[in-house]
Amino acid sequence: MLQIPNRACAWVATAVALTLNPHLLAASLEDIQLWAGTGSQRAALVIEWPEGPEPRSLLWGFRWEGTATGLDMLQAVVQADPFLYAHLGQFGWGTAVFGLGYDHNQNGVFAVNPPVAFDAGGLAVDTAPDDARTATDPGDLWREGWNTGFWAYYLRASEAAAWESAMTGAADRTLSDGVWDGYRFAPGFAGPAPGEPVPAAVPEPAPWALLALGALLLAGGARRATGTQPERAS
């Protein structure tokens, strides 16, 4: 029997719902599947690429306590989602977003050309943007810009509010409970605000992880069958 990945089911269900009811609010905080951070306060992050495989507008969530910024949310979400990548610029005046990418076909292989040195959490920080940088896999999403386009930054106070252009960078944007941050790449420094997003799906366990879990369960079963149990610390 054909098995459809959970992420595909989620994307298809959202697309069908919007087709049948175009007035339906496609996304709310309650729709978010992949959350970064912990805490009682919640915010949403939307990233939209202007071209590439669909869906191109994706949604994540961020939880925190105390004080957090828009940059905190972006970095936390990138680190939480193994398919999301960010190329940031660190300057004396602050942090810039050069490029954002997504392993859209989720095959676990993501690279850009010219190369960028992403760390284990999907982040790369330097001062060398390249507007010509592209994803090496045509099934993935990537846009980068500095001289011919940029990642426009948008804010809205709630899921029902309209997007407004941010007047500060993400590092100077203090989050509050229920707010939304959005990024959409603007070729030529012009373009619309993000559209209605599809919730980014929680990554499915890799086959090797399932095999490892199975081995652990079998080992535990063998210990119970033979009566050998770990000693409890006294």
Foldseek 3Di string as FASTA:
>chain_A
DDDDDPQVVLQVVLVVVCVVPVVDQSDFPVQAAAEFEDADFKEKEWEAEPDADPPRIEMHMYHDPDKDWLVRRVLRSLLRAVFKAWEWEQDPVGIFTFKIKGPQVPPSDWAKPVGFDADNSRYGYYHDHDQPIDIPDRNMDMGGDDPFWGWFKWKDQASPGDIDGDPDDRRPGIDGGHIYIYTYIDGNHDDDTDDRHRHRHDDDDDPVVVVVVVVVVVVVVVCVVVVNDDDDDD
